Protein backbone atom coordinates (compact mmCIF):
# COMPACT_ATOMS: atom_id res chain seq x y z
CA MET A 1 5.13 0.99 -10.24
CA PHE A 2 3.80 -2.14 -8.51
CA THR A 3 0.94 -4.71 -8.73
CA GLY A 4 0.10 -5.20 -5.03
CA LEU A 5 1.26 -8.96 -5.13
CA VAL A 6 3.79 -9.43 -2.25
CA GLU A 7 6.91 -11.34 -3.12
CA ALA A 8 8.25 -11.79 0.33
CA VAL A 9 8.07 -10.70 3.98
CA GLY A 10 11.16 -9.26 5.41
CA ARG A 11 12.15 -8.22 9.03
CA VAL A 12 13.41 -5.02 10.05
CA ARG A 13 17.00 -5.04 11.30
CA ALA A 14 17.29 -1.30 12.22
CA PHE A 15 15.50 2.03 11.74
CA THR A 16 17.64 5.00 12.00
CA ARG A 17 16.24 8.35 12.28
CA GLY A 18 18.04 11.51 10.56
CA GLY A 19 17.31 15.03 10.25
CA LEU A 20 16.66 15.03 6.43
CA VAL A 21 16.56 11.30 5.87
CA HIS A 22 15.63 8.08 7.56
CA THR A 23 17.41 4.90 6.88
CA LEU A 24 15.58 1.53 7.14
CA SER A 25 17.52 -1.75 7.06
CA ILE A 26 15.59 -4.96 6.28
CA GLU A 27 16.60 -8.55 6.17
CA CYS A 28 15.19 -10.82 3.59
CA PRO A 29 17.26 -13.63 2.13
CA LYS A 30 14.63 -14.29 -0.61
CA ILE A 31 15.03 -11.07 -2.55
CA ALA A 32 17.97 -9.21 -1.06
CA PRO A 33 20.55 -10.94 -3.17
CA GLN A 34 18.70 -10.05 -6.44
CA LEU A 35 18.34 -6.32 -5.68
CA VAL A 36 20.60 -3.57 -7.28
CA LEU A 37 21.49 -0.17 -5.83
CA GLY A 38 18.85 2.47 -6.76
CA GLN A 39 15.94 -0.12 -7.44
CA SER A 40 12.51 0.62 -6.10
CA VAL A 41 10.96 -1.77 -3.47
CA ALA A 42 7.58 -1.53 -2.05
CA VAL A 43 7.90 -1.86 1.68
CA SER A 44 4.51 -2.41 3.11
CA GLY A 45 3.08 -0.48 0.40
CA ALA A 46 5.61 2.60 0.31
CA CYS A 47 7.83 2.90 -2.76
CA LEU A 48 11.59 3.27 -1.34
CA SER A 49 14.87 3.19 -2.97
CA VAL A 50 17.67 0.70 -2.33
CA THR A 51 20.59 2.43 -1.12
CA ALA A 52 22.87 -0.35 0.15
CA LEU A 53 23.21 -4.10 -0.09
CA ARG A 54 24.36 -6.22 2.87
CA GLY A 55 24.14 -10.04 1.66
CA ASP A 56 20.75 -11.14 2.86
CA ALA A 57 19.82 -7.66 3.80
CA PHE A 58 19.51 -4.33 2.27
CA ASP A 59 18.86 -0.59 3.25
CA VAL A 60 16.33 1.82 1.97
CA GLU A 61 15.95 5.64 2.74
CA MET A 62 12.82 7.71 3.35
CA MET A 63 11.84 11.12 3.82
CA PRO A 64 10.52 12.10 7.28
CA GLU A 65 7.26 12.90 5.61
CA THR A 66 7.04 9.15 4.47
CA ALA A 67 7.35 8.00 8.05
CA GLU A 68 4.73 10.57 9.43
CA ARG A 69 2.14 9.53 6.67
CA THR A 70 2.57 5.74 7.32
CA TRP A 71 2.89 3.64 10.51
CA PHE A 72 6.55 3.51 9.92
CA ARG A 73 6.97 5.95 12.72
CA ALA A 74 6.53 2.88 15.11
CA LEU A 75 9.06 0.73 13.23
CA GLN A 76 11.10 -1.56 15.60
CA PRO A 77 13.70 -4.22 15.11
CA GLY A 78 11.92 -7.53 14.24
CA THR A 79 8.81 -5.86 12.73
CA ALA A 80 7.58 -7.81 9.65
CA VAL A 81 7.15 -5.87 6.34
CA ASN A 82 5.72 -6.86 2.90
CA LEU A 83 8.04 -6.64 0.16
CA GLU A 84 7.59 -6.35 -3.66
CA ARG A 85 9.95 -5.19 -6.39
CA ALA A 86 8.70 -2.82 -9.20
CA MET A 87 6.83 -4.52 -12.03
CA ARG A 88 8.52 -5.08 -15.25
CA LEU A 89 7.17 -3.60 -18.49
CA GLY A 90 5.39 -6.51 -20.21
CA ASP A 91 4.51 -8.49 -16.96
CA ARG A 92 0.94 -9.49 -16.27
CA LEU A 93 -0.89 -7.05 -14.12
CA ASP A 94 -2.42 -9.73 -11.71
CA GLY A 95 -3.12 -7.22 -8.84
CA HIS A 96 -3.99 -3.52 -9.90
CA LEU A 97 -1.82 -0.43 -10.57
CA VAL A 98 -0.02 0.44 -7.20
CA LEU A 99 2.27 3.59 -7.03
CA GLY A 100 3.76 3.06 -3.70
CA HIS A 101 2.60 6.33 -2.71
CA VAL A 102 0.77 5.95 0.56
CA ASP A 103 -2.20 8.12 1.03
CA GLY A 104 -2.48 7.54 4.89
CA THR A 105 -3.43 4.65 7.34
CA ALA A 106 -6.39 2.59 8.19
CA VAL A 107 -7.16 0.75 11.42
CA LEU A 108 -8.57 -2.81 11.60
CA ARG A 109 -11.96 -2.53 13.30
CA GLU A 110 -13.26 -6.16 12.93
CA MET A 111 -11.90 -9.52 11.56
CA THR A 112 -14.67 -12.22 10.87
CA GLY A 113 -15.22 -15.21 8.91
CA GLU A 114 -15.52 -19.01 9.07
CA GLY A 115 -12.89 -21.59 7.88
CA THR A 116 -9.93 -20.19 6.25
CA ALA A 117 -11.20 -16.93 4.45
CA ARG A 118 -11.68 -13.70 6.39
CA ARG A 119 -13.76 -10.34 6.10
CA ALA A 120 -11.84 -7.51 7.39
CA VAL A 121 -13.36 -4.03 8.25
CA PHE A 122 -11.15 -1.08 8.22
CA ARG A 123 -11.76 2.39 9.69
CA ALA A 124 -10.16 5.40 7.93
CA ASP A 125 -10.48 9.13 7.44
CA PRO A 126 -13.54 10.04 5.39
CA GLU A 127 -11.26 12.14 2.98
CA LEU A 128 -9.52 8.74 2.06
CA LEU A 129 -12.70 6.81 1.73
CA ARG A 130 -13.80 9.14 -0.98
CA GLY A 131 -11.32 7.27 -3.30
CA ILE A 132 -12.54 3.68 -2.19
CA VAL A 133 -15.63 2.35 -3.92
CA PRO A 134 -17.41 -1.28 -3.61
CA LYS A 135 -15.83 -3.76 -6.15
CA GLY A 136 -12.96 -1.39 -6.56
CA SER A 137 -9.30 -1.78 -5.65
CA VAL A 138 -7.35 -0.74 -2.61
CA ALA A 139 -3.79 -1.56 -1.52
CA LEU A 140 -3.38 -2.28 2.31
CA ASP A 141 0.28 -2.50 3.39
CA GLY A 142 1.02 -3.03 -0.21
CA VAL A 143 -1.36 -5.75 -0.84
CA SER A 144 -3.87 -5.50 -3.54
CA LEU A 145 -7.38 -6.29 -2.32
CA THR A 146 -10.86 -5.90 -3.74
CA VAL A 147 -13.41 -3.73 -1.85
CA ILE A 148 -16.52 -5.43 -0.51
CA ASP A 149 -18.30 -2.36 0.97
CA ALA A 150 -17.45 1.33 1.31
CA LEU A 151 -19.31 3.26 3.89
CA GLU A 152 -18.83 6.75 5.42
CA ALA A 153 -16.19 5.97 7.82
CA GLU A 154 -15.12 2.40 7.01
CA PHE A 155 -14.62 -0.27 4.35
CA SER A 156 -14.32 -3.92 4.17
CA VAL A 157 -12.11 -6.49 2.16
CA GLY A 158 -12.06 -10.24 1.74
CA LEU A 159 -8.90 -12.06 2.63
CA ILE A 160 -8.31 -15.36 0.96
CA PRO A 161 -6.10 -18.12 2.46
CA THR A 162 -3.35 -17.44 0.24
CA THR A 163 -3.26 -13.64 1.18
CA LEU A 164 -3.45 -14.62 4.86
CA ARG A 165 -0.42 -16.96 4.44
CA SER A 166 1.79 -14.93 2.36
CA CYS A 167 1.86 -11.44 3.86
CA THR A 168 1.59 -9.57 7.23
CA LEU A 169 -2.11 -9.12 7.05
CA GLY A 170 -2.51 -12.71 8.39
CA ALA A 171 -1.09 -11.55 11.75
CA ALA A 172 -3.25 -8.52 11.91
CA ARG A 173 -5.43 -8.02 15.01
CA VAL A 174 -8.23 -5.54 15.80
CA GLY A 175 -6.40 -2.24 16.34
CA SER A 176 -3.67 -3.03 13.96
CA VAL A 177 -2.67 0.02 11.61
CA VAL A 178 -1.95 -0.57 8.08
CA ASN A 179 -0.68 1.74 5.09
CA LEU A 180 -3.47 2.65 2.58
CA GLU A 181 -3.26 3.49 -1.00
CA THR A 182 -6.36 4.20 -2.98
CA ASP A 183 -6.83 3.38 -6.76
CA ILE A 184 -4.81 6.02 -8.87
CA LEU A 185 -7.53 5.86 -11.63
CA GLY A 186 -10.09 7.03 -9.10
CA LYS A 187 -7.78 9.83 -8.02
CA TYR A 188 -7.47 11.16 -11.68
CA THR A 189 -11.25 10.82 -12.35
CA GLU A 190 -12.06 12.77 -9.06
CA ARG A 191 -9.54 15.53 -10.05
CA LEU A 192 -10.85 15.99 -13.57
CA LEU A 193 -14.48 16.13 -12.22
CA ARG A 194 -13.50 18.42 -9.36
CA GLY A 195 -11.59 20.77 -11.68
CA SER A 196 -8.21 22.48 -11.40
CA ARG A 197 -7.22 25.24 -9.07
CA SER A 198 -8.64 27.49 -11.73
CA GLY A 199 -12.14 26.05 -11.06
CA LYS A 200 -12.53 24.79 -14.46
CA GLY A 201 -13.28 21.10 -14.67
CA LEU A 202 -15.20 18.52 -16.60
CA THR A 203 -18.81 18.20 -16.26
CA MET A 204 -20.96 15.05 -16.65
CA GLU A 205 -22.44 16.45 -19.70
CA GLU A 206 -18.97 17.00 -21.29
CA LEU A 207 -18.08 13.45 -20.35
CA ARG A 208 -20.96 11.90 -21.94
CA GLY A 209 -20.15 14.06 -24.98
CA LEU A 210 -16.72 12.53 -25.03
CA GLY A 211 -18.26 8.95 -25.07
CA TYR A 212 -17.86 8.06 -21.31
């Protein structure tokens, strides 16, 4: 589990496609020497396990499904990726609960703003937008952000100077694709209201009766 606060930006050394597993090699002197085998690292929002250590670089593996659900199918040597190690129990949760399970992708439609802050508008599948609400949280390329507006086919977030400097979003341009993870709390709430496969779910009356 992660918080959506990027620790470092790494660079892709190589991306090797396999039949069952793809291998991604990432160079990052800031955190690579501190990693251990089997540790979880969020790579631009996707939770991946460390499988090899190479000094200032490390390898992670992913299933082909992960590559297809994210923008990783377009990975090339030199590509910048956001990195965050898993949070430790007892740490401050300065972002929000991010699982590293990417739901899909969003496309930057517009970037506006004066001075050093920016307002970014992203377009995404309406099914993904069901899990995004104004003033809620969303993770874009692993970065925890607060939603400004959420419409039928797009949503907007604010990017403060620190965010623009410390992660790959600062280099995003109109048309850039980012990995998107909606808030896990919203997913569970929707599932409870929608009901299980048997068709039996909680109603608003039942929730009020439970004190919600």
